[in-house]
Amino acid sequence: MADVVKWWSRMTAALTGAVLALVVPAHAWAASRGVDEVMFEAARRRTRSRGGFGFLFGGALCCLFVIATIVLIVVLISRNRRRR
């Protein structure tokens, strides 16, 4: 169990570092360039007649795919450990 906790903490630290190294500078660049004004203008021009069900369904499907992939990886790793 200690190995799993150690592995999980290392993966979390690596992911956090990658997110901070990529997202924070990109956000700072976008804020300094006025990109947020373009986003607000695009949101104002958007038509309201279309429903957002397709986006919701696509997001849910993507989320289920990611969760299924993670579960499959965990199952395969745990099977390989039992065989030894």
PDB file of N, CA and C in Angstrom:
ATOM      1  N   MET A   1       0.823  -1.197   0.000  1.00  0.00           N
ATOM      2  CA  MET A   1       0.000   0.000   0.000  1.00  0.00           C
ATOM      3  C   MET A   1       0.863   1.255   0.000  1.00  0.00           C
ATOM      4  N   ALA A   2       2.005   1.162   0.661  1.00  0.00           N
ATOM      5  CA  ALA A   2       2.893   2.322   0.710  1.00  0.00           C
ATOM      6  C   ALA A   2       3.430   2.652  -0.677  1.00  0.00           C
ATOM      7  N   ASP A   3       3.649   1.618  -1.502  1.00  0.00           N
ATOM      8  CA  ASP A   3       4.124   1.864  -2.861  1.00  0.00           C
ATOM      9  C   ASP A   3       3.080   2.600  -3.693  1.00  0.00           C
ATOM     10  N   VAL A   4       1.823   2.243  -3.492  1.00  0.00           N
ATOM     11  CA  VAL A   4       0.741   2.903  -4.230  1.00  0.00           C
ATOM     12  C   VAL A   4       0.645   4.367  -3.824  1.00  0.00           C
ATOM     13  N   VAL A   5       0.759   4.642  -2.527  1.00  0.00           N
ATOM     14  CA  VAL A   5       0.690   6.020  -2.044  1.00  0.00           C
ATOM     15  C   VAL A   5       1.878   6.821  -2.575  1.00  0.00           C
ATOM     16  N   LYS A   6       3.044   6.222  -2.575  1.00  0.00           N
ATOM     17  CA  LYS A   6       4.228   6.905  -3.088  1.00  0.00           C
ATOM     18  C   LYS A   6       4.083   7.182  -4.581  1.00  0.00           C
ATOM     19  N   TRP A   7       3.597   6.192  -5.329  1.00  0.00           N
ATOM     20  CA  TRP A   7       3.405   6.364  -6.765  1.00  0.00           C
ATOM     21  C   TRP A   7       2.359   7.439  -7.042  1.00  0.00           C
ATOM     22  N   TRP A   8       1.262   7.396  -6.297  1.00  0.00           N
ATOM     23  CA  TRP A   8       0.186   8.362  -6.499  1.00  0.00           C
ATOM     24  C   TRP A   8       0.656   9.776  -6.180  1.00  0.00           C
ATOM     25  N   SER A   9       1.416   9.939  -5.119  1.00  0.00           N
ATOM     26  CA  SER A   9       1.883  11.282  -4.769  1.00  0.00           C
ATOM     27  C   SER A   9       2.875  11.804  -5.808  1.00  0.00           C
ATOM     28  N   ARG A  10       3.702  10.932  -6.357  1.00  0.00           N
ATOM     29  CA  ARG A  10       4.632  11.372  -7.404  1.00  0.00           C
ATOM     30  C   ARG A  10       3.888  11.754  -8.673  1.00  0.00           C
ATOM     31  N   MET A  11       2.881  10.975  -9.060  1.00  0.00           N
ATOM     32  CA  MET A  11       2.099  11.306 -10.249  1.00  0.00           C
ATOM     33  C   MET A  11       1.339  12.621 -10.070  1.00  0.00           C
ATOM     34  N   THR A  12       0.785  12.831  -8.892  1.00  0.00           N
ATOM     35  CA  THR A  12       0.065  14.065  -8.611  1.00  0.00           C
ATOM     36  C   THR A  12       1.002  15.263  -8.660  1.00  0.00           C
ATOM     37  N   ALA A  13       2.189  15.110  -8.096  1.00  0.00           N
ATOM     38  CA  ALA A  13       3.158  16.203  -8.119  1.00  0.00           C
ATOM     39  C   ALA A  13       3.605  16.505  -9.552  1.00  0.00           C
ATOM     40  N   ALA A  14       3.820  15.478 -10.351  1.00  0.00           N
ATOM     41  CA  ALA A  14       4.233  15.689 -11.737  1.00  0.00           C
ATOM     42  C   ALA A  14       3.128  16.364 -12.545  1.00  0.00           C
ATOM     43  N   LEU A  15       1.890  15.930 -12.358  1.00  0.00           N
ATOM     44  CA  LEU A  15       0.770  16.524 -13.075  1.00  0.00           C
ATOM     45  C   LEU A  15       0.549  17.974 -12.657  1.00  0.00           C
ATOM     46  N   THR A  16       0.647  18.240 -11.368  1.00  0.00           N
ATOM     47  CA  THR A  16       0.491  19.610 -10.876  1.00  0.00           C
ATOM     48  C   THR A  16       1.586  20.510 -11.436  1.00  0.00           C
ATOM     49  N   GLY A  17       2.810  20.014 -11.447  1.00  0.00           N
ATOM     50  CA  GLY A  17       3.909  20.798 -12.006  1.00  0.00           C
ATOM     51  C   GLY A  17       3.720  21.080 -13.481  1.00  0.00           C
ATOM     52  N   ALA A  18       3.261  20.080 -14.226  1.00  0.00           N
ATOM     53  CA  ALA A  18       3.032  20.278 -15.659  1.00  0.00           C
ATOM     54  C   ALA A  18       1.914  21.286 -15.910  1.00  0.00           C
ATOM     55  N   VAL A  19       0.848  21.190 -15.146  1.00  0.00           N
ATOM     56  CA  VAL A  19      -0.272  22.121 -15.315  1.00  0.00           C
ATOM     57  C   VAL A  19       0.169  23.535 -14.982  1.00  0.00           C
ATOM     58  N   LEU A  20       0.885  23.694 -13.877  1.00  0.00           N
ATOM     59  CA  LEU A  20       1.337  25.033 -13.500  1.00  0.00           C
ATOM     60  C   LEU A  20       2.349  25.587 -14.502  1.00  0.00           C
ATOM     61  N   ALA A  21       3.197  24.735 -15.037  1.00  0.00           N
ATOM     62  CA  ALA A  21       4.206  25.198 -15.994  1.00  0.00           C
ATOM     63  C   ALA A  21       3.589  25.592 -17.330  1.00  0.00           C
ATOM     64  N   LEU A  22       2.462  25.003 -17.697  1.00  0.00           N
ATOM     65  CA  LEU A  22       1.849  25.299 -18.985  1.00  0.00           C
ATOM     66  C   LEU A  22       0.691  26.295 -18.901  1.00  0.00           C
ATOM     67  N   VAL A  23      -0.155  26.147 -17.911  1.00  0.00           N
ATOM     68  CA  VAL A  23      -1.379  26.943 -17.862  1.00  0.00           C
ATOM     69  C   VAL A  23      -1.127  28.356 -17.352  1.00  0.00           C
ATOM     70  N   VAL A  24      -0.313  28.511 -16.331  1.00  0.00           N
ATOM     71  CA  VAL A  24      -0.111  29.833 -15.740  1.00  0.00           C
ATOM     72  C   VAL A  24       0.524  30.805 -16.739  1.00  0.00           C
ATOM     73  N   PRO A  25       1.610  30.441 -17.440  1.00  0.00           N
ATOM     74  CA  PRO A  25       2.140  31.389 -18.430  1.00  0.00           C
ATOM     75  C   PRO A  25       1.174  31.662 -19.585  1.00  0.00           C
ATOM     76  N   ALA A  26       0.433  30.638 -20.007  1.00  0.00           N
ATOM     77  CA  ALA A  26      -0.533  30.845 -21.087  1.00  0.00           C
ATOM     78  C   ALA A  26      -1.648  31.796 -20.649  1.00  0.00           C
ATOM     79  N   HIS A  27      -2.088  31.663 -19.429  1.00  0.00           N
ATOM     80  CA  HIS A  27      -3.125  32.552 -18.909  1.00  0.00           C
ATOM     81  C   HIS A  27      -2.604  33.985 -18.792  1.00  0.00           C
ATOM     82  N   ALA A  28      -1.388  34.135 -18.314  1.00  0.00           N
ATOM     83  CA  ALA A  28      -0.806  35.466 -18.192  1.00  0.00           C
ATOM     84  C   ALA A  28      -0.638  36.111 -19.571  1.00  0.00           C
ATOM     85  N   TRP A  29      -0.211  35.326 -20.548  1.00  0.00           N
ATOM     86  CA  TRP A  29      -0.062  35.855 -21.903  1.00  0.00           C
ATOM     87  C   TRP A  29      -1.405  36.284 -22.471  1.00  0.00           C
ATOM     88  N   ALA A  30      -2.420  35.450 -22.298  1.00  0.00           N
ATOM     89  CA  ALA A  30      -3.741  35.770 -22.839  1.00  0.00           C
ATOM     90  C   ALA A  30      -4.328  37.005 -22.168  1.00  0.00           C
ATOM     91  N   ALA A  31      -4.100  37.161 -20.875  1.00  0.00           N
ATOM     92  CA  ALA A  31      -4.632  38.320 -20.167  1.00  0.00           C
ATOM     93  C   ALA A  31      -3.936  39.597 -20.610  1.00  0.00           C
ATOM     94  N   SER A  32      -2.660  39.517 -20.943  1.00  0.00           N
ATOM     95  CA  SER A  32      -1.934  40.716 -21.346  1.00  0.00           C
ATOM     96  C   SER A  32      -2.215  41.113 -22.791  1.00  0.00           C
ATOM     97  N   ARG A  33      -2.725  40.199 -23.602  1.00  0.00           N
ATOM     98  CA  ARG A  33      -2.959  40.469 -25.015  1.00  0.00           C
ATOM     99  C   ARG A  33      -4.389  40.906 -25.325  1.00  0.00           C
ATOM    100  N   GLY A  34      -5.270  40.895 -24.354  1.00  0.00           N
ATOM    101  CA  GLY A  34      -6.646  41.278 -24.609  1.00  0.00           C
ATOM    102  C   GLY A  34      -7.481  40.184 -25.238  1.00  0.00           C
ATOM    103  N   VAL A  35      -7.078  38.943 -25.077  1.00  0.00           N
ATOM    104  CA  VAL A  35      -7.821  37.820 -25.651  1.00  0.00           C
ATOM    105  C   VAL A  35      -9.181  37.673 -24.972  1.00  0.00           C
ATOM    106  N   ASP A  36      -9.267  38.104 -23.726  1.00  0.00           N
ATOM    107  CA  ASP A  36     -10.541  37.966 -23.011  1.00  0.00           C
ATOM    108  C   ASP A  36     -11.647  38.798 -23.661  1.00  0.00           C
ATOM    109  N   GLU A  37     -11.303  39.939 -24.269  1.00  0.00           N
ATOM    110  CA  GLU A  37     -12.315  40.753 -24.944  1.00  0.00           C
ATOM    111  C   GLU A  37     -12.881  40.025 -26.164  1.00  0.00           C
ATOM    112  N   VAL A  38     -12.039  39.319 -26.883  1.00  0.00           N
ATOM    113  CA  VAL A  38     -12.497  38.557 -28.041  1.00  0.00           C
ATOM    114  C   VAL A  38     -13.456  37.461 -27.589  1.00  0.00           C
ATOM    115  N   MET A  39     -13.141  36.824 -26.473  1.00  0.00           N
ATOM    116  CA  MET A  39     -13.999  35.764 -25.964  1.00  0.00           C
ATOM    117  C   MET A  39     -15.373  36.315 -25.571  1.00  0.00           C
ATOM    118  N   PHE A  40     -15.392  37.464 -24.892  1.00  0.00           N
ATOM    119  CA  PHE A  40     -16.665  38.047 -24.485  1.00  0.00           C
ATOM    120  C   PHE A  40     -17.496  38.469 -25.693  1.00  0.00           C
ATOM    121  N   GLU A  41     -16.840  39.007 -26.727  1.00  0.00           N
ATOM    122  CA  GLU A  41     -17.559  39.412 -27.927  1.00  0.00           C
ATOM    123  C   GLU A  41     -18.139  38.202 -28.652  1.00  0.00           C
ATOM    124  N   ALA A  42     -17.387  37.111 -28.699  1.00  0.00           N
ATOM    125  CA  ALA A  42     -17.898  35.899 -29.333  1.00  0.00           C
ATOM    126  C   ALA A  42     -19.081  35.338 -28.553  1.00  0.00           C
ATOM    127  N   ALA A  43     -19.055  35.461 -27.242  1.00  0.00           N
ATOM    128  CA  ALA A  43     -20.172  34.972 -26.426  1.00  0.00           C
ATOM    129  C   ALA A  43     -21.414  35.823 -26.645  1.00  0.00           C
ATOM    130  N   ARG A  44     -21.248  37.115 -26.866  1.00  0.00           N
ATOM    131  CA  ARG A  44     -22.402  37.986 -27.104  1.00  0.00           C
ATOM    132  C   ARG A  44     -23.052  37.700 -28.456  1.00  0.00           C
ATOM    133  N   ARG A  45     -22.242  37.368 -29.458  1.00  0.00           N
ATOM    134  CA  ARG A  45     -22.766  37.126 -30.799  1.00  0.00           C
ATOM    135  C   ARG A  45     -23.400  35.755 -30.951  1.00  0.00           C
ATOM    136  N   ARG A  46     -23.187  34.909 -30.025  1.00  0.00           N
ATOM    137  CA  ARG A  46     -23.691  33.540 -30.120  1.00  0.00           C
ATOM    138  C   ARG A  46     -25.211  33.522 -30.118  1.00  0.00           C
ATOM    139  N   THR A  47     -25.776  32.714 -30.986  1.00  0.00           N
ATOM    140  CA  THR A  47     -27.236  32.621 -31.038  1.00  0.00           C
ATOM    141  C   THR A  47     -27.736  31.762 -29.889  1.00  0.00           C
ATOM    142  N   ARG A  48     -28.871  32.098 -29.395  1.00  0.00           N
ATOM    143  CA  ARG A  48     -29.450  31.381 -28.254  1.00  0.00           C
ATOM    144  C   ARG A  48     -30.485  30.347 -28.676  1.00  0.00           C
ATOM    145  N   SER A  49     -30.709  30.181 -29.968  1.00  0.00           N
ATOM    146  CA  SER A  49     -31.763  29.275 -30.417  1.00  0.00           C
ATOM    147  C   SER A  49     -31.359  27.808 -30.297  1.00  0.00           C
ATOM    148  N   ARG A  50     -30.058  27.528 -30.346  1.00  0.00           N
ATOM    149  CA  ARG A  50     -29.621  26.134 -30.277  1.00  0.00           C
ATOM    150  C   ARG A  50     -29.485  25.702 -28.824  1.00  0.00           C
ATOM    151  N   GLY A  51     -29.857  24.470 -28.558  1.00  0.00           N
ATOM    152  CA  GLY A  51     -29.715  23.938 -27.221  1.00  0.00           C
ATOM    153  C   GLY A  51     -28.317  23.411 -26.979  1.00  0.00           C
ATOM    154  N   GLY A  52     -27.953  23.253 -25.721  1.00  0.00           N
ATOM    155  CA  GLY A  52     -26.626  22.776 -25.382  1.00  0.00           C
ATOM    156  C   GLY A  52     -26.584  21.292 -25.074  1.00  0.00           C
ATOM    157  N   PHE A  53     -27.582  20.531 -25.520  1.00  0.00           N
ATOM    158  CA  PHE A  53     -27.634  19.111 -25.175  1.00  0.00           C
ATOM    159  C   PHE A  53     -26.498  18.331 -25.822  1.00  0.00           C
ATOM    160  N   GLY A  54     -26.140  18.678 -27.053  1.00  0.00           N
ATOM    161  CA  GLY A  54     -25.062  17.969 -27.743  1.00  0.00           C
ATOM    162  C   GLY A  54     -23.738  18.128 -27.030  1.00  0.00           C
ATOM    163  N   PHE A  55     -23.459  19.320 -26.537  1.00  0.00           N
ATOM    164  CA  PHE A  55     -22.230  19.554 -25.792  1.00  0.00           C
ATOM    165  C   PHE A  55     -22.244  18.767 -24.485  1.00  0.00           C
ATOM    166  N   LEU A  56     -23.385  18.737 -23.823  1.00  0.00           N
ATOM    167  CA  LEU A  56     -23.501  17.996 -22.568  1.00  0.00           C
ATOM    168  C   LEU A  56     -23.307  16.503 -22.802  1.00  0.00           C
ATOM    169  N   PHE A  57     -23.911  15.984 -23.850  1.00  0.00           N
ATOM    170  CA  PHE A  57     -23.782  14.563 -24.160  1.00  0.00           C
ATOM    171  C   PHE A  57     -22.345  14.216 -24.529  1.00  0.00           C
ATOM    172  N   GLY A  58     -21.704  15.056 -25.333  1.00  0.00           N
ATOM    173  CA  GLY A  58     -20.308  14.823 -25.722  1.00  0.00           C
ATOM    174  C   GLY A  58     -19.376  14.873 -24.520  1.00  0.00           C
ATOM    175  N   GLY A  59     -19.603  15.808 -23.619  1.00  0.00           N
ATOM    176  CA  GLY A  59     -18.784  15.902 -22.411  1.00  0.00           C
ATOM    177  C   GLY A  59     -18.957  14.692 -21.516  1.00  0.00           C
ATOM    178  N   ALA A  60     -20.183  14.240 -21.368  1.00  0.00           N
ATOM    179  CA  ALA A  60     -20.440  13.060 -20.546  1.00  0.00           C
ATOM    180  C   ALA A  60     -19.809  11.814 -21.166  1.00  0.00           C
ATOM    181  N   LEU A  61     -19.900  11.705 -22.478  1.00  0.00           N
ATOM    182  CA  LEU A  61     -19.308  10.563 -23.172  1.00  0.00           C
ATOM    183  C   LEU A  61     -17.783  10.574 -23.033  1.00  0.00           C
ATOM    184  N   CYS A  62     -17.187  11.725 -23.160  1.00  0.00           N
ATOM    185  CA  CYS A  62     -15.738  11.853 -23.007  1.00  0.00           C
ATOM    186  C   CYS A  62     -15.327  11.503 -21.577  1.00  0.00           C
ATOM    187  N   CYS A  63     -16.077  11.974 -20.605  1.00  0.00           N
ATOM    188  CA  CYS A  63     -15.777  11.695 -19.203  1.00  0.00           C
ATOM    189  C   CYS A  63     -15.869  10.191 -18.927  1.00  0.00           C
ATOM    190  N   LEU A  64     -16.876   9.547 -19.442  1.00  0.00           N
ATOM    191  CA  LEU A  64     -17.015   8.104 -19.252  1.00  0.00           C
ATOM    192  C   LEU A  64     -15.876   7.343 -19.917  1.00  0.00           C
ATOM    193  N   PHE A  65     -15.435   7.805 -21.083  1.00  0.00           N
ATOM    194  CA  PHE A  65     -14.321   7.175 -21.774  1.00  0.00           C
ATOM    195  C   PHE A  65     -13.035   7.287 -20.957  1.00  0.00           C
ATOM    196  N   VAL A  66     -12.792   8.445 -20.381  1.00  0.00           N
ATOM    197  CA  VAL A  66     -11.588   8.643 -19.560  1.00  0.00           C
ATOM    198  C   VAL A  66     -11.641   7.771 -18.319  1.00  0.00           C
ATOM    199  N   ILE A  67     -12.781   7.711 -17.662  1.00  0.00           N
ATOM    200  CA  ILE A  67     -12.914   6.888 -16.457  1.00  0.00           C
ATOM    201  C   ILE A  67     -12.745   5.413 -16.800  1.00  0.00           C
ATOM    202  N   ALA A  68     -13.322   4.969 -17.911  1.00  0.00           N
ATOM    203  CA  ALA A  68     -13.170   3.568 -18.320  1.00  0.00           C
ATOM    204  C   ALA A  68     -11.713   3.241 -18.628  1.00  0.00           C
ATOM    205  N   THR A  69     -10.999   4.167 -19.242  1.00  0.00           N
ATOM    206  CA  THR A  69      -9.586   3.950 -19.535  1.00  0.00           C
ATOM    207  C   THR A  69      -8.771   3.830 -18.258  1.00  0.00           C
ATOM    208  N   ILE A  70      -9.034   4.686 -17.297  1.00  0.00           N
ATOM    209  CA  ILE A  70      -8.313   4.635 -16.022  1.00  0.00           C
ATOM    210  C   ILE A  70      -8.596   3.330 -15.297  1.00  0.00           C
ATOM    211  N   VAL A  71      -9.861   2.916 -15.273  1.00  0.00           N
ATOM    212  CA  VAL A  71     -10.213   1.655 -14.618  1.00  0.00           C
ATOM    213  C   VAL A  71      -9.543   0.486 -15.314  1.00  0.00           C
ATOM    214  N   LEU A  72      -9.511   0.495 -16.642  1.00  0.00           N
ATOM    215  CA  LEU A  72      -8.858  -0.579 -17.390  1.00  0.00           C
ATOM    216  C   LEU A  72      -7.366  -0.641 -17.080  1.00  0.00           C
ATOM    217  N   ILE A  73      -6.716   0.490 -17.003  1.00  0.00           N
ATOM    218  CA  ILE A  73      -5.287   0.518 -16.676  1.00  0.00           C
ATOM    219  C   ILE A  73      -5.040  -0.030 -15.275  1.00  0.00           C
ATOM    220  N   VAL A  74      -5.858   0.364 -14.312  1.00  0.00           N
ATOM    221  CA  VAL A  74      -5.695  -0.123 -12.937  1.00  0.00           C
ATOM    222  C   VAL A  74      -5.907  -1.631 -12.871  1.00  0.00           C
ATOM    223  N   VAL A  75      -6.920  -2.137 -13.579  1.00  0.00           N
ATOM    224  CA  VAL A  75      -7.185  -3.579 -13.574  1.00  0.00           C
ATOM    225  C   VAL A  75      -6.023  -4.344 -14.200  1.00  0.00           C
ATOM    226  N   LEU A  76      -5.509  -3.855 -15.317  1.00  0.00           N
ATOM    227  CA  LEU A  76      -4.384  -4.531 -15.958  1.00  0.00           C
ATOM    228  C   LEU A  76      -3.133  -4.515 -15.088  1.00  0.00           C
ATOM    229  N   ILE A  77      -2.875  -3.410 -14.420  1.00  0.00           N
ATOM    230  CA  ILE A  77      -1.711  -3.342 -13.531  1.00  0.00           C
ATOM    231  C   ILE A  77      -1.878  -4.284 -12.343  1.00  0.00           C
ATOM    232  N   SER A  78      -3.083  -4.333 -11.779  1.00  0.00           N
ATOM    233  CA  SER A  78      -3.294  -5.211 -10.617  1.00  0.00           C
ATOM    234  C   SER A  78      -3.226  -6.678 -11.023  1.00  0.00           C
ATOM    235  N   ARG A  79      -3.669  -7.044 -12.212  1.00  0.00           N
ATOM    236  CA  ARG A  79      -3.547  -8.436 -12.674  1.00  0.00           C
ATOM    237  C   ARG A  79      -2.094  -8.848 -12.854  1.00  0.00           C
ATOM    238  N   ASN A  80      -1.297  -7.943 -13.403  1.00  0.00           N
ATOM    239  CA  ASN A  80       0.118  -8.235 -13.605  1.00  0.00           C
ATOM    240  C   ASN A  80       0.859  -8.405 -12.274  1.00  0.00           C
ATOM    241  N   ARG A  81       0.453  -7.714 -11.254  1.00  0.00           N
ATOM    242  CA  ARG A  81       1.095  -7.851  -9.947  1.00  0.00           C
ATOM    243  C   ARG A  81       0.717  -9.165  -9.274  1.00  0.00           C
ATOM    244  N   ARG A  82      -0.492  -9.646  -9.515  1.00  0.00           N
ATOM    245  CA  ARG A  82      -0.924 -10.903  -8.892  1.00  0.00           C
ATOM    246  C   ARG A  82      -0.236 -12.114  -9.492  1.00  0.00           C
ATOM    247  N   ARG A  83       0.107 -12.046 -10.753  1.00  0.00           N
ATOM    248  CA  ARG A  83       0.714 -13.177 -11.454  1.00  0.00           C
ATOM    249  C   ARG A  83       2.124 -13.467 -10.936  1.00  0.00           C
ATOM    250  N   ARG A  84       2.818 -12.480 -10.448  1.00  0.00           N
ATOM    251  CA  ARG A  84       4.192 -12.676 -10.001  1.00  0.00           C
ATOM    252  C   ARG A  84       4.190 -13.331  -8.702  1.00  0.00           C
TER     253      ARG A  84
END
